[in-house]
Amino acid sequence: LVQAGGSLRVSCAGSGRTFSTYVMGWFRQAPGKEREFVAA
């Protein structure tokens, strides 16, 4: 939970394989909405 105007950093950890061989992306999904592209 963060207030409007604030900042947050989310992380994603990969396990077990050669992480560097993958393109990585972030998506988000709000209730009632399609999954939305955020960054890659």
PDB file of all heavy atoms in Angstrom:
ATOM      1  N   LEU A   1       0.842  -1.191   0.000  1.00  0.00           N
ATOM      2  CA  LEU A   1       0.000   0.000   0.000  1.00  0.00           C
ATOM      3  C   LEU A   1       0.875   1.238   0.000  1.00  0.00           C
ATOM      4  O   LEU A   1       1.785   1.368   0.825  1.00  0.00           O
ATOM      5  CB  LEU A   1      -0.915  -0.008   1.221  1.00  0.00           C
ATOM      6  CG  LEU A   1      -1.840   1.187   1.418  1.00  0.00           C
ATOM      7  CD1 LEU A   1      -2.864   1.251   0.290  1.00  0.00           C
ATOM      8  CD2 LEU A   1      -2.533   1.095   2.767  1.00  0.00           C
ATOM      9  N   VAL A   2       0.589   2.152  -0.911  1.00  0.00           N
ATOM     10  CA  VAL A   2       1.346   3.387  -1.014  1.00  0.00           C
ATOM     11  C   VAL A   2       0.382   4.529  -1.312  1.00  0.00           C
ATOM     12  O   VAL A   2      -0.628   4.337  -1.991  1.00  0.00           O
ATOM     13  CB  VAL A   2       2.447   3.274  -2.100  1.00  0.00           C
ATOM     14  CG1 VAL A   2       1.831   3.003  -3.466  1.00  0.00           C
ATOM     15  CG2 VAL A   2       3.314   4.509  -2.129  1.00  0.00           C
ATOM     16  N   GLN A   3       0.690   5.705  -0.794  1.00  0.00           N
ATOM     17  CA  GLN A   3      -0.156   6.865  -1.047  1.00  0.00           C
ATOM     18  C   GLN A   3       0.101   7.431  -2.437  1.00  0.00           C
ATOM     19  O   GLN A   3       1.189   7.291  -2.996  1.00  0.00           O
ATOM     20  CB  GLN A   3       0.083   7.946   0.004  1.00  0.00           C
ATOM     21  CG  GLN A   3      -0.417   7.586   1.387  1.00  0.00           C
ATOM     22  CD  GLN A   3      -0.410   8.763   2.338  1.00  0.00           C
ATOM     23  OE1 GLN A   3       0.120   9.826   2.033  1.00  0.00           O
ATOM     24  NE2 GLN A   3      -1.011   8.586   3.493  1.00  0.00           N
ATOM     25  N   ALA A   4      -0.921   8.066  -2.988  1.00  0.00           N
ATOM     26  CA  ALA A   4      -0.779   8.707  -4.285  1.00  0.00           C
ATOM     27  C   ALA A   4       0.385   9.686  -4.274  1.00  0.00           C
ATOM     28  O   ALA A   4       0.572  10.436  -3.319  1.00  0.00           O
ATOM     29  CB  ALA A   4      -2.072   9.413  -4.664  1.00  0.00           C
ATOM     30  N   GLY A   5       1.167   9.662  -5.342  1.00  0.00           N
ATOM     31  CA  GLY A   5       2.358  10.479  -5.442  1.00  0.00           C
ATOM     32  C   GLY A   5       3.611   9.800  -4.943  1.00  0.00           C
ATOM     33  O   GLY A   5       4.717  10.303  -5.173  1.00  0.00           O
ATOM     34  N   GLY A   6       3.459   8.679  -4.294  1.00  0.00           N
ATOM     35  CA  GLY A   6       4.593   7.961  -3.751  1.00  0.00           C
ATOM     36  C   GLY A   6       5.233   7.024  -4.751  1.00  0.00           C
ATOM     37  O   GLY A   6       4.856   6.962  -5.922  1.00  0.00           O
ATOM     38  N   SER A   7       6.205   6.274  -4.261  1.00  0.00           N
ATOM     39  CA  SER A   7       6.989   5.369  -5.096  1.00  0.00           C
ATOM     40  C   SER A   7       7.030   3.981  -4.487  1.00  0.00           C
ATOM     41  O   SER A   7       6.882   3.808  -3.269  1.00  0.00           O
ATOM     42  CB  SER A   7       8.422   5.884  -5.260  1.00  0.00           C
ATOM     43  OG  SER A   7       8.452   7.144  -5.896  1.00  0.00           O
ATOM     44  N   LEU A   8       7.264   3.010  -5.344  1.00  0.00           N
ATOM     45  CA  LEU A   8       7.361   1.628  -4.919  1.00  0.00           C
ATOM     46  C   LEU A   8       8.215   0.875  -5.920  1.00  0.00           C
ATOM     47  O   LEU A   8       8.162   1.154  -7.123  1.00  0.00           O
ATOM     48  CB  LEU A   8       5.970   1.000  -4.829  1.00  0.00           C
ATOM     49  CG  LEU A   8       5.810  -0.297  -4.047  1.00  0.00           C
ATOM     50  CD1 LEU A   8       6.051  -0.054  -2.561  1.00  0.00           C
ATOM     51  CD2 LEU A   8       4.420  -0.871  -4.264  1.00  0.00           C
ATOM     52  N   ARG A   9       8.997  -0.064  -5.437  1.00  0.00           N
ATOM     53  CA  ARG A   9       9.762  -0.944  -6.306  1.00  0.00           C
ATOM     54  C   ARG A   9       9.335  -2.378  -6.076  1.00  0.00           C
ATOM     55  O   ARG A   9       9.395  -2.877  -4.952  1.00  0.00           O
ATOM     56  CB  ARG A   9      11.266  -0.815  -6.065  1.00  0.00           C
ATOM     57  CG  ARG A   9      12.101  -1.590  -7.092  1.00  0.00           C
ATOM     58  CD  ARG A   9      13.585  -1.557  -6.808  1.00  0.00           C
ATOM     59  NE  ARG A   9      13.944  -2.404  -5.677  1.00  0.00           N
ATOM     60  CZ  ARG A   9      15.178  -2.775  -5.366  1.00  0.00           C
ATOM     61  NH1 ARG A   9      16.189  -2.351  -6.115  1.00  0.00           N
ATOM     62  NH2 ARG A   9      15.415  -3.531  -4.315  1.00  0.00           N
ATOM     63  N   VAL A  10       8.901  -3.028  -7.148  1.00  0.00           N
ATOM     64  CA  VAL A  10       8.571  -4.431  -7.086  1.00  0.00           C
ATOM     65  C   VAL A  10       9.693  -5.229  -7.745  1.00  0.00           C
ATOM     66  O   VAL A  10      10.380  -4.742  -8.640  1.00  0.00           O
ATOM     67  CB  VAL A  10       7.208  -4.746  -7.736  1.00  0.00           C
ATOM     68  CG1 VAL A  10       6.081  -4.158  -6.895  1.00  0.00           C
ATOM     69  CG2 VAL A  10       7.130  -4.217  -9.159  1.00  0.00           C
ATOM     70  N   SER A  11       9.872  -6.454  -7.284  1.00  0.00           N
ATOM     71  CA  SER A  11      10.948  -7.306  -7.756  1.00  0.00           C
ATOM     72  C   SER A  11      10.393  -8.635  -8.236  1.00  0.00           C
ATOM     73  O   SER A  11       9.319  -9.061  -7.817  1.00  0.00           O
ATOM     74  CB  SER A  11      11.963  -7.567  -6.638  1.00  0.00           C
ATOM     75  OG  SER A  11      12.496  -6.366  -6.127  1.00  0.00           O
ATOM     76  N   CYS A  12      11.147  -9.283  -9.094  1.00  0.00           N
ATOM     77  CA  CYS A  12      10.801 -10.608  -9.574  1.00  0.00           C
ATOM     78  C   CYS A  12      12.063 -11.446  -9.603  1.00  0.00           C
ATOM     79  O   CYS A  12      13.022 -11.107 -10.311  1.00  0.00           O
ATOM     80  CB  CYS A  12      10.166 -10.537 -10.964  1.00  0.00           C
ATOM     81  SG  CYS A  12       9.777 -12.141 -11.689  1.00  0.00           S
ATOM     82  N   ALA A  13      12.068 -12.515  -8.844  1.00  0.00           N
ATOM     83  CA  ALA A  13      13.215 -13.400  -8.767  1.00  0.00           C
ATOM     84  C   ALA A  13      12.961 -14.659  -9.585  1.00  0.00           C
ATOM     85  O   ALA A  13      11.906 -15.286  -9.464  1.00  0.00           O
ATOM     86  CB  ALA A  13      13.504 -13.768  -7.319  1.00  0.00           C
ATOM     87  N   GLY A  14      13.925 -15.018 -10.405  1.00  0.00           N
ATOM     88  CA  GLY A  14      13.864 -16.240 -11.181  1.00  0.00           C
ATOM     89  C   GLY A  14      14.673 -17.338 -10.527  1.00  0.00           C
ATOM     90  O   GLY A  14      15.746 -17.086  -9.981  1.00  0.00           O
ATOM     91  N   SER A  15      14.155 -18.539 -10.601  1.00  0.00           N
ATOM     92  CA  SER A  15      14.796 -19.673  -9.945  1.00  0.00           C
ATOM     93  C   SER A  15      15.122 -20.767 -10.946  1.00  0.00           C
ATOM     94  O   SER A  15      14.324 -21.076 -11.829  1.00  0.00           O
ATOM     95  CB  SER A  15      13.897 -20.246  -8.853  1.00  0.00           C
ATOM     96  OG  SER A  15      13.626 -19.286  -7.852  1.00  0.00           O
ATOM     97  N   GLY A  16      16.277 -21.347 -10.782  1.00  0.00           N
ATOM     98  CA  GLY A  16      16.610 -22.637 -11.352  1.00  0.00           C
ATOM     99  C   GLY A  16      17.151 -22.709 -12.768  1.00  0.00           C
ATOM    100  O   GLY A  16      17.589 -23.776 -13.169  1.00  0.00           O
ATOM    101  N   ARG A  17      17.144 -21.630 -13.507  1.00  0.00           N
ATOM    102  CA  ARG A  17      17.574 -21.710 -14.891  1.00  0.00           C
ATOM    103  C   ARG A  17      18.402 -20.498 -15.281  1.00  0.00           C
ATOM    104  O   ARG A  17      18.694 -19.643 -14.462  1.00  0.00           O
ATOM    105  CB  ARG A  17      16.366 -21.861 -15.824  1.00  0.00           C
ATOM    106  CG  ARG A  17      15.546 -23.127 -15.600  1.00  0.00           C
ATOM    107  CD  ARG A  17      16.348 -24.381 -15.877  1.00  0.00           C
ATOM    108  NE  ARG A  17      15.545 -25.597 -15.737  1.00  0.00           N
ATOM    109  CZ  ARG A  17      15.361 -26.257 -14.596  1.00  0.00           C
ATOM    110  NH1 ARG A  17      15.912 -25.813 -13.477  1.00  0.00           N
ATOM    111  NH2 ARG A  17      14.623 -27.353 -14.574  1.00  0.00           N
ATOM    112  N   THR A  18      18.757 -20.468 -16.560  1.00  0.00           N
ATOM    113  CA  THR A  18      19.589 -19.376 -17.069  1.00  0.00           C
ATOM    114  C   THR A  18      18.719 -18.146 -17.306  1.00  0.00           C
ATOM    115  O   THR A  18      18.220 -17.912 -18.413  1.00  0.00           O
ATOM    116  CB  THR A  18      20.304 -19.797 -18.350  1.00  0.00           C
ATOM    117  OG1 THR A  18      19.348 -20.347 -19.269  1.00  0.00           O
ATOM    118  CG2 THR A  18      21.365 -20.837 -18.048  1.00  0.00           C
ATOM    119  N   PHE A  19      18.573 -17.355 -16.281  1.00  0.00           N
ATOM    120  CA  PHE A  19      17.732 -16.168 -16.294  1.00  0.00           C
ATOM    121  C   PHE A  19      18.089 -15.214 -17.434  1.00  0.00           C
ATOM    122  O   PHE A  19      17.207 -14.588 -18.034  1.00  0.00           O
ATOM    123  CB  PHE A  19      17.854 -15.485 -14.936  1.00  0.00           C
ATOM    124  CG  PHE A  19      17.015 -14.254 -14.763  1.00  0.00           C
ATOM    125  CD1 PHE A  19      15.673 -14.349 -14.439  1.00  0.00           C
ATOM    126  CD2 PHE A  19      17.576 -12.993 -14.905  1.00  0.00           C
ATOM    127  CE1 PHE A  19      14.902 -13.221 -14.261  1.00  0.00           C
ATOM    128  CE2 PHE A  19      16.812 -11.858 -14.725  1.00  0.00           C
ATOM    129  CZ  PHE A  19      15.468 -11.974 -14.402  1.00  0.00           C
ATOM    130  N   SER A  20      19.359 -15.107 -17.736  1.00  0.00           N
ATOM    131  CA  SER A  20      19.812 -14.153 -18.734  1.00  0.00           C
ATOM    132  C   SER A  20      19.401 -14.511 -20.157  1.00  0.00           C
ATOM    133  O   SER A  20      19.576 -13.689 -21.067  1.00  0.00           O
ATOM    134  CB  SER A  20      21.335 -13.999 -18.668  1.00  0.00           C
ATOM    135  OG  SER A  20      21.976 -15.223 -18.972  1.00  0.00           O
ATOM    136  N   THR A  21      18.862 -15.681 -20.388  1.00  0.00           N
ATOM    137  CA  THR A  21      18.423 -16.069 -21.726  1.00  0.00           C
ATOM    138  C   THR A  21      17.003 -15.603 -22.034  1.00  0.00           C
ATOM    139  O   THR A  21      16.532 -15.796 -23.158  1.00  0.00           O
ATOM    140  CB  THR A  21      18.496 -17.584 -21.922  1.00  0.00           C
ATOM    141  OG1 THR A  21      17.557 -18.236 -21.060  1.00  0.00           O
ATOM    142  CG2 THR A  21      19.900 -18.103 -21.627  1.00  0.00           C
ATOM    143  N   TYR A  22      16.327 -15.005 -21.080  1.00  0.00           N
ATOM    144  CA  TYR A  22      14.934 -14.612 -21.253  1.00  0.00           C
ATOM    145  C   TYR A  22      14.778 -13.103 -21.347  1.00  0.00           C
ATOM    146  O   TYR A  22      15.366 -12.357 -20.561  1.00  0.00           O
ATOM    147  CB  TYR A  22      14.079 -15.099 -20.087  1.00  0.00           C
ATOM    148  CG  TYR A  22      14.031 -16.597 -19.937  1.00  0.00           C
ATOM    149  CD1 TYR A  22      14.779 -17.232 -18.956  1.00  0.00           C
ATOM    150  CD2 TYR A  22      13.234 -17.366 -20.771  1.00  0.00           C
ATOM    151  CE1 TYR A  22      14.732 -18.606 -18.811  1.00  0.00           C
ATOM    152  CE2 TYR A  22      13.191 -18.739 -20.629  1.00  0.00           C
ATOM    153  CZ  TYR A  22      13.932 -19.356 -19.652  1.00  0.00           C
ATOM    154  OH  TYR A  22      13.888 -20.718 -19.511  1.00  0.00           O
ATOM    155  N   VAL A  23      13.967 -12.669 -22.299  1.00  0.00           N
ATOM    156  CA  VAL A  23      13.369 -11.344 -22.220  1.00  0.00           C
ATOM    157  C   VAL A  23      12.385 -11.353 -21.054  1.00  0.00           C
ATOM    158  O   VAL A  23      11.649 -12.326 -20.852  1.00  0.00           O
ATOM    159  CB  VAL A  23      12.665 -10.989 -23.536  1.00  0.00           C
ATOM    160  CG1 VAL A  23      11.741  -9.784 -23.366  1.00  0.00           C
ATOM    161  CG2 VAL A  23      13.684 -10.728 -24.631  1.00  0.00           C
ATOM    162  N   MET A  24      12.383 -10.284 -20.280  1.00  0.00           N
ATOM    163  CA  MET A  24      11.505 -10.186 -19.120  1.00  0.00           C
ATOM    164  C   MET A  24      10.527  -9.037 -19.291  1.00  0.00           C
ATOM    165  O   MET A  24      10.869  -7.980 -19.831  1.00  0.00           O
ATOM    166  CB  MET A  24      12.312  -9.985 -17.839  1.00  0.00           C
ATOM    167  CG  MET A  24      13.261 -11.131 -17.509  1.00  0.00           C
ATOM    168  SD  MET A  24      12.391 -12.704 -17.201  1.00  0.00           S
ATOM    169  CE  MET A  24      11.384 -12.253 -15.770  1.00  0.00           C
ATOM    170  N   GLY A  25       9.327  -9.254 -18.813  1.00  0.00           N
ATOM    171  CA  GLY A  25       8.307  -8.230 -18.892  1.00  0.00           C
ATOM    172  C   GLY A  25       7.528  -8.088 -17.601  1.00  0.00           C
ATOM    173  O   GLY A  25       7.507  -9.000 -16.771  1.00  0.00           O
ATOM    174  N   TRP A  26       6.928  -6.927 -17.435  1.00  0.00           N
ATOM    175  CA  TRP A  26       5.989  -6.666 -16.353  1.00  0.00           C
ATOM    176  C   TRP A  26       4.618  -6.369 -16.951  1.00  0.00           C
ATOM    177  O   TRP A  26       4.509  -5.591 -17.911  1.00  0.00           O
ATOM    178  CB  TRP A  26       6.417  -5.487 -15.483  1.00  0.00           C
ATOM    179  CG  TRP A  26       7.526  -5.781 -14.525  1.00  0.00           C
ATOM    180  CD1 TRP A  26       8.843  -5.512 -14.680  1.00  0.00           C
ATOM    181  CD2 TRP A  26       7.384  -6.393 -13.233  1.00  0.00           C
ATOM    182  NE1 TRP A  26       9.550  -5.912 -13.577  1.00  0.00           N
ATOM    183  CE2 TRP A  26       8.673  -6.455 -12.668  1.00  0.00           C
ATOM    184  CE3 TRP A  26       6.303  -6.881 -12.503  1.00  0.00           C
ATOM    185  CZ2 TRP A  26       8.910  -6.998 -11.399  1.00  0.00           C
ATOM    186  CZ3 TRP A  26       6.535  -7.422 -11.249  1.00  0.00           C
ATOM    187  CH2 TRP A  26       7.826  -7.479 -10.711  1.00  0.00           C
ATOM    188  N   PHE A  27       3.602  -6.981 -16.390  1.00  0.00           N
ATOM    189  CA  PHE A  27       2.217  -6.733 -16.742  1.00  0.00           C
ATOM    190  C   PHE A  27       1.434  -6.449 -15.470  1.00  0.00           C
ATOM    191  O   PHE A  27       1.870  -6.788 -14.372  1.00  0.00           O
ATOM    192  CB  PHE A  27       1.605  -7.934 -17.463  1.00  0.00           C
ATOM    193  CG  PHE A  27       2.153  -8.176 -18.844  1.00  0.00           C
ATOM    194  CD1 PHE A  27       3.396  -8.767 -19.017  1.00  0.00           C
ATOM    195  CD2 PHE A  27       1.427  -7.811 -19.958  1.00  0.00           C
ATOM    196  CE1 PHE A  27       3.903  -8.990 -20.285  1.00  0.00           C
ATOM    197  CE2 PHE A  27       1.927  -8.032 -21.235  1.00  0.00           C
ATOM    198  CZ  PHE A  27       3.163  -8.617 -21.398  1.00  0.00           C
ATOM    199  N   ARG A  28       0.280  -5.842 -15.639  1.00  0.00           N
ATOM    200  CA  ARG A  28      -0.588  -5.619 -14.490  1.00  0.00           C
ATOM    201  C   ARG A  28      -2.031  -5.880 -14.881  1.00  0.00           C
ATOM    202  O   ARG A  28      -2.411  -5.766 -16.047  1.00  0.00           O
ATOM    203  CB  ARG A  28      -0.429  -4.203 -13.933  1.00  0.00           C
ATOM    204  CG  ARG A  28      -0.946  -3.105 -14.841  1.00  0.00           C
ATOM    205  CD  ARG A  28      -0.600  -1.744 -14.274  1.00  0.00           C
ATOM    206  NE  ARG A  28      -1.221  -0.664 -15.015  1.00  0.00           N
ATOM    207  CZ  ARG A  28      -1.011   0.628 -14.773  1.00  0.00           C
ATOM    208  NH1 ARG A  28      -0.178   0.986 -13.793  1.00  0.00           N
ATOM    209  NH2 ARG A  28      -1.619   1.554 -15.495  1.00  0.00           N
ATOM    210  N   GLN A  29      -2.829  -6.219 -13.886  1.00  0.00           N
ATOM    211  CA  GLN A  29      -4.233  -6.504 -14.128  1.00  0.00           C
ATOM    212  C   GLN A  29      -5.060  -6.002 -12.957  1.00  0.00           C
ATOM    213  O   GLN A  29      -4.852  -6.415 -11.821  1.00  0.00           O
ATOM    214  CB  GLN A  29      -4.466  -7.996 -14.339  1.00  0.00           C
ATOM    215  CG  GLN A  29      -5.867  -8.328 -14.818  1.00  0.00           C
ATOM    216  CD  GLN A  29      -5.961  -9.720 -15.403  1.00  0.00           C
ATOM    217  OE1 GLN A  29      -5.170 -10.603 -15.056  1.00  0.00           O
ATOM    218  NE2 GLN A  29      -6.906  -9.923 -16.298  1.00  0.00           N
ATOM    219  N   ALA A  30      -5.979  -5.113 -13.261  1.00  0.00           N
ATOM    220  CA  ALA A  30      -6.926  -4.605 -12.290  1.00  0.00           C
ATOM    221  C   ALA A  30      -8.248  -5.340 -12.454  1.00  0.00           C
ATOM    222  O   ALA A  30      -8.536  -5.879 -13.527  1.00  0.00           O
ATOM    223  CB  ALA A  30      -7.125  -3.102 -12.470  1.00  0.00           C
ATOM    224  N   PRO A  31      -9.070  -5.368 -11.412  1.00  0.00           N
ATOM    225  CA  PRO A  31     -10.356  -6.068 -11.519  1.00  0.00           C
ATOM    226  C   PRO A  31     -11.190  -5.564 -12.687  1.00  0.00           C
ATOM    227  O   PRO A  31     -11.347  -4.358 -12.880  1.00  0.00           O
ATOM    228  CB  PRO A  31     -11.032  -5.762 -10.183  1.00  0.00           C
ATOM    229  CG  PRO A  31      -9.900  -5.532  -9.241  1.00  0.00           C
ATOM    230  CD  PRO A  31      -8.841  -4.840 -10.065  1.00  0.00           C
ATOM    231  N   GLY A  32     -11.706  -6.493 -13.473  1.00  0.00           N
ATOM    232  CA  GLY A  32     -12.544  -6.147 -14.603  1.00  0.00           C
ATOM    233  C   GLY A  32     -11.809  -5.685 -15.836  1.00  0.00           C
ATOM    234  O   GLY A  32     -12.453  -5.319 -16.820  1.00  0.00           O
ATOM    235  N   LYS A  33     -10.478  -5.696 -15.808  1.00  0.00           N
ATOM    236  CA  LYS A  33      -9.697  -5.237 -16.940  1.00  0.00           C
ATOM    237  C   LYS A  33      -8.806  -6.357 -17.465  1.00  0.00           C
ATOM    238  O   LYS A  33      -8.501  -7.309 -16.751  1.00  0.00           O
ATOM    239  CB  LYS A  33      -8.839  -4.029 -16.559  1.00  0.00           C
ATOM    240  CG  LYS A  33      -9.631  -2.791 -16.171  1.00  0.00           C
ATOM    241  CD  LYS A  33      -8.709  -1.619 -15.918  1.00  0.00           C
ATOM    242  CE  LYS A  33      -9.480  -0.359 -15.583  1.00  0.00           C
ATOM    243  NZ  LYS A  33      -8.576   0.789 -15.334  1.00  0.00           N
ATOM    244  N   GLU A  34      -8.398  -6.207 -18.713  1.00  0.00           N
ATOM    245  CA  GLU A  34      -7.459  -7.149 -19.298  1.00  0.00           C
ATOM    246  C   GLU A  34      -6.064  -6.929 -18.738  1.00  0.00           C
ATOM    247  O   GLU A  34      -5.740  -5.863 -18.216  1.00  0.00           O
ATOM    248  CB  GLU A  34      -7.435  -6.999 -20.820  1.00  0.00           C
ATOM    249  CG  GLU A  34      -8.722  -7.401 -21.506  1.00  0.00           C
ATOM    250  CD  GLU A  34      -8.608  -7.342 -23.015  1.00  0.00           C
ATOM    251  OE1 GLU A  34      -7.562  -6.887 -23.519  1.00  0.00           O
ATOM    252  OE2 GLU A  34      -9.556  -7.758 -23.686  1.00  0.00           O
ATOM    253  N   ARG A  35      -5.249  -7.954 -18.867  1.00  0.00           N
ATOM    254  CA  ARG A  35      -3.864  -7.833 -18.458  1.00  0.00           C
ATOM    255  C   ARG A  35      -3.151  -6.838 -19.364  1.00  0.00           C
ATOM    256  O   ARG A  35      -3.168  -6.961 -20.585  1.00  0.00           O
ATOM    257  CB  ARG A  35      -3.184  -9.195 -18.505  1.00  0.00           C
ATOM    258  CG  ARG A  35      -1.853  -9.245 -17.792  1.00  0.00           C
ATOM    259  CD  ARG A  35      -1.439 -10.684 -17.481  1.00  0.00           C
ATOM    260  NE  ARG A  35      -2.357 -11.324 -16.541  1.00  0.00           N
ATOM    261  CZ  ARG A  35      -2.126 -12.485 -15.960  1.00  0.00           C
ATOM    262  NH1 ARG A  35      -1.022 -13.155 -16.206  1.00  0.00           N
ATOM    263  NH2 ARG A  35      -3.035 -13.001 -15.131  1.00  0.00           N
ATOM    264  N   GLU A  36      -2.508  -5.850 -18.762  1.00  0.00           N
ATOM    265  CA  GLU A  36      -1.944  -4.715 -19.465  1.00  0.00           C
ATOM    266  C   GLU A  36      -0.425  -4.753 -19.441  1.00  0.00           C
ATOM    267  O   GLU A  36       0.187  -4.968 -18.389  1.00  0.00           O
ATOM    268  CB  GLU A  36      -2.436  -3.408 -18.825  1.00  0.00           C
ATOM    269  CG  GLU A  36      -1.843  -2.147 -19.418  1.00  0.00           C
ATOM    270  CD  GLU A  36      -2.185  -0.909 -18.619  1.00  0.00           C
ATOM    271  OE1 GLU A  36      -2.701  -1.048 -17.486  1.00  0.00           O
ATOM    272  OE2 GLU A  36      -1.953   0.201 -19.123  1.00  0.00           O
ATOM    273  N   PHE A  37       0.182  -4.510 -20.586  1.00  0.00           N
ATOM    274  CA  PHE A  37       1.629  -4.425 -20.683  1.00  0.00           C
ATOM    275  C   PHE A  37       2.146  -3.191 -19.964  1.00  0.00           C
ATOM    276  O   PHE A  37       1.630  -2.087 -20.153  1.00  0.00           O
ATOM    277  CB  PHE A  37       2.048  -4.388 -22.150  1.00  0.00           C
ATOM    278  CG  PHE A  37       3.508  -4.104 -22.355  1.00  0.00           C
ATOM    279  CD1 PHE A  37       4.461  -5.058 -22.045  1.00  0.00           C
ATOM    280  CD2 PHE A  37       3.925  -2.893 -22.870  1.00  0.00           C
ATOM    281  CE1 PHE A  37       5.810  -4.808 -22.240  1.00  0.00           C
ATOM    282  CE2 PHE A  37       5.264  -2.628 -23.073  1.00  0.00           C
ATOM    283  CZ  PHE A  37       6.211  -3.594 -22.754  1.00  0.00           C
ATOM    284  N   VAL A  38       3.175  -3.371 -19.160  1.00  0.00           N
ATOM    285  CA  VAL A  38       3.775  -2.276 -18.414  1.00  0.00           C
ATOM    286  C   VAL A  38       5.174  -1.961 -18.924  1.00  0.00           C
ATOM    287  O   VAL A  38       5.497  -0.810 -19.214  1.00  0.00           O
ATOM    288  CB  VAL A  38       3.819  -2.582 -16.909  1.00  0.00           C
ATOM    289  CG1 VAL A  38       4.530  -1.467 -16.148  1.00  0.00           C
ATOM    290  CG2 VAL A  38       2.407  -2.780 -16.368  1.00  0.00           C
ATOM    291  N   ALA A  39       6.019  -2.978 -19.028  1.00  0.00           N
ATOM    292  CA  ALA A  39       7.406  -2.755 -19.429  1.00  0.00           C
ATOM    293  C   ALA A  39       8.039  -4.073 -19.818  1.00  0.00           C
ATOM    294  O   ALA A  39       7.601  -5.145 -19.390  1.00  0.00           O
ATOM    295  CB  ALA A  39       8.207  -2.099 -18.302  1.00  0.00           C
ATOM    296  N   ALA A  40       9.093  -4.001 -20.617  1.00  0.00           N
ATOM    297  CA  ALA A  40       9.873  -5.172 -20.980  1.00  0.00           C
ATOM    298  C   ALA A  40      11.332  -4.777 -21.097  1.00  0.00           C
ATOM    299  O   ALA A  40      11.659  -3.616 -21.354  1.00  0.00           O
ATOM    300  CB  ALA A  40       9.381  -5.782 -22.294  1.00  0.00           C
TER     301      ALA A  40
END
